[in-house]
Amino acid sequence: MNPIRRYEKIMEYLLTEKEVTVAELSERLEVTGKTIREDLSKLEEQGLITRVHGGAVLAQKDHFGILPSQEPLTKHADEKLEIAQKAAACIHPGDIVALDGGSTTLEIARQLQNESLTVITNDVYIISELAPKNNIRLVVPGGYRVRNMLAGPEGAAYVRQLNIQKAFISATGVHPEHGLSIYTGDLLDFKRALVETSREVYAVVDHHKFGQTALRTFASLKELTAIITDRGLEAATAAAYLETGVSIMQ
């Protein structure tokens, strides 16, 4: 088992049991205690766990160990809820889906029923939201923490090995020429991996982001299955984007 997969399994155990010992992890993952201690040190460096004598606990046990699951939707909450409900309607039992980090994708996670799904995410708020839903198989790629998201080449490399059916991607701006863009270069690799790997790719952006361009483009509109947005998008704006060939779910 490669290190990224071990990190994922360790986090799965901790999200379920809140505390594990080195001996338990060594037995379950069939590796030496030395390897487990090295893994725990890596996860502690990322701020995801706290080492204790003989094992580890989640970093904040009162919040499922990562970050508060009730992060507020501070801006455009109604629009994000509307988008999330449309996105959740595209997800069916048995699907393998990816939820990119962001407040709209967090709202999608809140809309998901506790049913048979596989969800890949790099957002620690989404991890906390989905952890109690025991019928959802939660897959957490590795990486280092950038605010509430895990980033880095390890996570992107792991995603490229997966068979993702549907990915829901966030962006700072969406533009007819510049596509989907963000300001943080740390997240580019992970987003590109989702776009390149997933069978269907949905951008989930509220109407305020249309016509906006951030510093770094990570996807063109032609790479998208559709843009899911809210009813606030004006018809003339929607028409301009439809001319590029992208579908809009409104």
Protein backbone atom coordinates (compact mmCIF):
# COMPACT_ATOMS: atom_id res chain seq x y z
CA MET A 1 0.00 0.00 0.00
CA ASN A 2 1.49 3.34 -1.02
CA PRO A 3 1.86 6.18 1.53
CA ILE A 4 -1.03 8.26 0.15
CA ARG A 5 -3.42 5.32 0.46
CA ARG A 6 -2.20 4.70 4.04
CA TYR A 7 -2.82 8.36 4.95
CA GLU A 8 -6.32 8.02 3.54
CA LYS A 9 -7.04 4.86 5.54
CA ILE A 10 -5.63 6.38 8.75
CA MET A 11 -7.92 9.40 8.34
CA GLU A 12 -10.89 7.13 7.64
CA TYR A 13 -10.21 5.21 10.88
CA LEU A 14 -9.82 8.41 12.88
CA LEU A 15 -12.96 10.00 11.48
CA THR A 16 -14.87 6.91 12.58
CA GLU A 17 -13.17 6.06 15.87
CA LYS A 18 -11.65 9.44 16.93
CA GLU A 19 -8.53 7.74 18.35
CA VAL A 20 -6.26 4.91 17.21
CA THR A 21 -3.05 3.31 18.43
CA VAL A 22 0.09 2.60 16.47
CA ALA A 23 -0.38 -1.11 17.15
CA GLU A 24 -3.95 -1.08 15.77
CA LEU A 25 -2.90 0.77 12.62
CA SER A 26 0.12 -1.48 12.14
CA GLU A 27 -2.11 -4.55 12.25
CA ARG A 28 -4.86 -3.13 10.04
CA LEU A 29 -2.54 -1.73 7.38
CA GLU A 30 -0.01 -4.58 7.62
CA VAL A 31 3.05 -2.35 7.97
CA THR A 32 5.57 -1.85 10.75
CA GLY A 33 5.08 0.40 13.73
CA LYS A 34 7.96 2.54 12.48
CA THR A 35 6.12 3.17 9.20
CA ILE A 36 2.92 4.10 11.06
CA ARG A 37 4.78 6.53 13.33
CA GLU A 38 6.29 8.19 10.25
CA ASP A 39 2.83 8.42 8.66
CA LEU A 40 1.38 9.98 11.81
CA SER A 41 4.19 12.52 11.89
CA LYS A 42 3.34 13.54 8.30
CA LEU A 43 -0.35 13.92 9.12
CA GLU A 44 0.47 15.92 12.24
CA GLU A 45 2.62 18.29 10.17
CA GLN A 46 -0.47 18.96 8.03
CA GLY A 47 -2.50 19.83 11.14
CA LEU A 48 -4.91 16.93 10.64
CA ILE A 49 -4.09 14.87 13.74
CA THR A 50 -2.48 15.20 17.15
CA ARG A 51 0.03 12.60 18.32
CA VAL A 52 -0.60 11.09 21.74
CA HIS A 53 1.27 8.39 23.64
CA GLY A 54 1.05 5.21 21.59
CA GLY A 55 -1.15 6.63 18.83
CA ALA A 56 -3.07 9.65 17.56
CA VAL A 57 -6.34 11.54 17.85
CA LEU A 58 -8.07 13.90 15.48
CA ALA A 59 -6.83 17.47 15.71
CA GLN A 60 -10.15 18.79 17.03
CA LYS A 61 -12.24 15.93 18.34
CA ASP A 62 -15.30 18.12 18.90
CA HIS A 63 -15.41 18.86 15.18
CA PHE A 64 -14.68 15.39 13.77
CA GLY A 65 -11.02 16.23 13.99
CA ILE A 66 -10.53 18.58 11.12
CA LEU A 67 -12.41 21.85 11.03
CA PRO A 68 -15.94 22.89 11.97
CA SER A 69 -18.42 21.24 9.63
CA GLN A 70 -20.73 24.23 9.83
CA GLU A 71 -18.63 26.75 7.93
CA PRO A 72 -21.00 29.63 7.12
CA LEU A 73 -21.92 30.46 3.55
CA THR A 74 -21.01 34.08 4.05
CA LYS A 75 -21.74 35.35 0.53
CA HIS A 76 -24.63 34.55 -1.80
CA ALA A 77 -25.93 31.76 0.39
CA ASP A 78 -29.29 31.47 -1.39
CA GLU A 79 -27.64 31.14 -4.80
CA LYS A 80 -25.21 28.52 -3.51
CA LEU A 81 -28.03 26.49 -1.99
CA GLU A 82 -29.92 26.61 -5.29
CA ILE A 83 -26.82 25.45 -7.20
CA ALA A 84 -26.14 22.70 -4.67
CA GLN A 85 -29.65 21.32 -4.96
CA LYS A 86 -29.31 21.15 -8.77
CA ALA A 87 -25.91 19.47 -8.47
CA ALA A 88 -27.12 16.94 -5.90
CA ALA A 89 -29.95 15.99 -8.28
CA CYS A 90 -27.25 14.86 -10.76
CA ILE A 91 -25.78 12.42 -8.21
CA HIS A 92 -27.28 8.94 -7.94
CA PRO A 93 -26.69 5.92 -5.67
CA GLY A 94 -23.54 4.06 -6.66
CA ASP A 95 -21.89 7.09 -8.27
CA ILE A 96 -18.22 7.90 -7.82
CA VAL A 97 -18.04 11.67 -7.50
CA ALA A 98 -15.47 14.31 -6.65
CA LEU A 99 -16.25 17.46 -4.70
CA ASP A 100 -13.63 20.14 -5.20
CA GLY A 101 -13.00 22.47 -2.26
CA GLY A 102 -15.30 25.44 -1.78
CA SER A 103 -18.40 26.78 -0.09
CA THR A 104 -20.75 25.73 -2.91
CA THR A 105 -19.36 22.19 -3.00
CA LEU A 106 -19.70 22.09 0.80
CA GLU A 107 -23.38 22.85 0.34
CA ILE A 108 -23.58 19.99 -2.18
CA ALA A 109 -22.14 17.68 0.51
CA ARG A 110 -24.85 18.85 2.91
CA GLN A 111 -27.52 17.95 0.34
CA LEU A 112 -26.28 14.38 -0.11
CA GLN A 113 -28.32 11.64 1.49
CA ASN A 114 -26.63 8.92 3.54
CA GLU A 115 -26.68 6.42 0.69
CA SER A 116 -24.20 4.31 -1.25
CA LEU A 117 -21.78 6.76 -2.86
CA THR A 118 -18.04 7.22 -3.19
CA VAL A 119 -16.93 10.83 -2.67
CA ILE A 120 -13.41 12.10 -3.30
CA THR A 121 -12.62 15.48 -1.78
CA ASN A 122 -9.71 17.64 -0.66
CA ASP A 123 -11.85 19.98 1.46
CA VAL A 124 -11.63 19.37 5.20
CA TYR A 125 -15.02 21.00 5.81
CA ILE A 126 -16.58 18.53 3.38
CA ILE A 127 -14.73 15.66 5.07
CA SER A 128 -16.25 16.70 8.38
CA GLU A 129 -19.69 17.05 6.83
CA LEU A 130 -19.65 13.59 5.25
CA ALA A 131 -17.89 11.67 8.03
CA PRO A 132 -21.12 10.88 9.96
CA LYS A 133 -22.82 9.59 6.77
CA ASN A 134 -21.55 6.05 7.11
CA ASN A 135 -22.94 4.76 3.81
CA ILE A 136 -20.78 7.20 1.87
CA ARG A 137 -17.27 5.94 1.14
CA LEU A 138 -15.05 8.94 1.74
CA VAL A 139 -11.76 9.13 -0.18
CA VAL A 140 -9.25 11.73 1.00
CA PRO A 141 -6.16 12.27 -1.19
CA GLY A 142 -2.99 13.38 0.53
CA GLY A 143 -1.28 16.75 0.43
CA TYR A 144 -0.48 19.77 2.55
CA ARG A 145 -3.09 22.07 4.00
CA VAL A 146 -3.90 25.41 2.36
CA ARG A 147 -6.59 26.97 4.57
CA ASN A 148 -9.40 24.41 4.46
CA MET A 149 -8.06 22.42 1.51
CA LEU A 150 -5.40 19.79 0.90
CA ALA A 151 -3.10 20.57 -2.01
CA GLY A 152 0.08 19.31 -3.63
CA PRO A 153 1.32 16.81 -6.22
CA GLU A 154 0.59 13.74 -4.07
CA GLY A 155 -3.15 14.33 -4.10
CA ALA A 156 -3.23 15.17 -7.80
CA ALA A 157 -1.24 12.04 -8.66
CA TYR A 158 -3.62 9.89 -6.62
CA VAL A 159 -6.71 11.41 -8.28
CA ARG A 160 -5.33 10.55 -11.72
CA GLN A 161 -5.47 6.87 -10.78
CA LEU A 162 -9.20 6.96 -10.01
CA ASN A 163 -12.31 6.30 -12.09
CA ILE A 164 -14.33 9.40 -11.26
CA GLN A 165 -17.71 9.62 -12.92
CA LYS A 166 -18.71 13.17 -11.97
CA ALA A 167 -16.62 16.05 -10.65
CA PHE A 168 -18.05 19.27 -9.25
CA ILE A 169 -15.49 22.07 -9.53
CA SER A 170 -15.38 25.50 -7.91
CA ALA A 171 -13.78 28.61 -9.40
CA THR A 172 -13.20 32.27 -8.57
CA GLY A 173 -14.12 33.39 -12.08
CA VAL A 174 -15.69 31.99 -15.24
CA HIS A 175 -15.02 33.75 -18.53
CA PRO A 176 -15.77 32.93 -22.21
CA GLU A 177 -12.11 33.27 -23.20
CA HIS A 178 -10.19 32.60 -19.99
CA GLY A 179 -12.34 29.73 -18.76
CA LEU A 180 -12.28 28.79 -15.07
CA SER A 181 -9.70 30.60 -12.97
CA ILE A 182 -8.47 30.95 -9.39
CA TYR A 183 -5.88 33.01 -7.53
CA THR A 184 -4.15 30.23 -5.58
CA GLY A 185 -1.56 28.31 -7.58
CA ASP A 186 -1.36 25.65 -4.86
CA LEU A 187 -4.73 24.25 -5.96
CA LEU A 188 -4.09 24.12 -9.71
CA ASP A 189 -2.71 20.57 -9.84
CA PHE A 190 -5.64 19.08 -7.95
CA LYS A 191 -8.23 20.90 -10.05
CA ARG A 192 -6.48 19.91 -13.29
CA ALA A 193 -6.39 16.29 -12.16
CA LEU A 194 -10.15 16.33 -11.59
CA VAL A 195 -10.81 17.93 -14.97
CA GLU A 196 -8.53 15.52 -16.84
CA THR A 197 -9.69 12.37 -15.06
CA SER A 198 -13.44 12.72 -14.57
CA ARG A 199 -15.96 11.45 -17.09
CA GLU A 200 -18.27 14.43 -16.46
CA VAL A 201 -17.06 17.81 -15.18
CA TYR A 202 -19.47 20.38 -13.75
CA ALA A 203 -18.45 23.89 -12.76
CA VAL A 204 -20.57 25.09 -9.84
CA VAL A 205 -20.49 28.91 -9.81
CA ASP A 206 -23.02 31.57 -8.89
CA HIS A 207 -23.98 34.23 -11.42
CA HIS A 208 -21.76 36.88 -9.80
CA LYS A 209 -18.66 35.01 -11.04
CA PHE A 210 -19.57 35.15 -14.72
CA GLY A 211 -17.34 37.49 -16.70
CA GLN A 212 -14.71 37.43 -13.97
CA THR A 213 -11.09 36.35 -14.43
CA ALA A 214 -8.67 35.45 -11.64
CA LEU A 215 -4.90 35.05 -11.91
CA ARG A 216 -4.57 31.40 -13.00
CA THR A 217 -6.75 29.53 -15.51
CA PHE A 218 -7.13 25.82 -14.79
CA ALA A 219 -9.80 24.74 -17.30
CA SER A 220 -11.33 25.90 -20.55
CA LEU A 221 -15.08 25.95 -21.04
CA LYS A 222 -14.85 23.25 -23.72
CA GLU A 223 -13.56 20.81 -21.08
CA LEU A 224 -16.79 21.11 -19.09
CA THR A 225 -19.88 18.97 -19.29
CA ALA A 226 -21.90 21.92 -18.01
CA ILE A 227 -21.90 24.96 -15.77
CA ILE A 228 -24.40 24.74 -12.93
CA THR A 229 -25.50 28.18 -11.80
CA ASP A 230 -28.45 30.01 -10.24
CA ARG A 231 -31.47 31.72 -11.76
CA GLY A 232 -29.85 35.13 -11.28
CA LEU A 233 -27.80 34.73 -14.46
CA GLU A 234 -29.20 37.09 -17.10
CA ALA A 235 -30.43 35.57 -20.35
CA ALA A 236 -28.04 37.68 -22.46
CA THR A 237 -25.06 36.51 -20.40
CA ALA A 238 -26.17 32.89 -20.63
CA ALA A 239 -26.54 33.23 -24.41
CA ALA A 240 -22.97 34.51 -24.75
CA TYR A 241 -21.64 31.46 -22.92
CA LEU A 242 -23.85 29.06 -24.84
CA GLU A 243 -22.24 30.37 -28.02
CA THR A 244 -18.91 28.93 -26.81
CA GLY A 245 -20.47 25.48 -26.81
CA VAL A 246 -20.77 24.99 -23.06
CA SER A 247 -24.07 23.85 -21.53
CA ILE A 248 -25.62 25.83 -18.71
CA MET A 249 -27.91 24.32 -16.06
CA GLN A 250 -29.88 27.17 -14.57
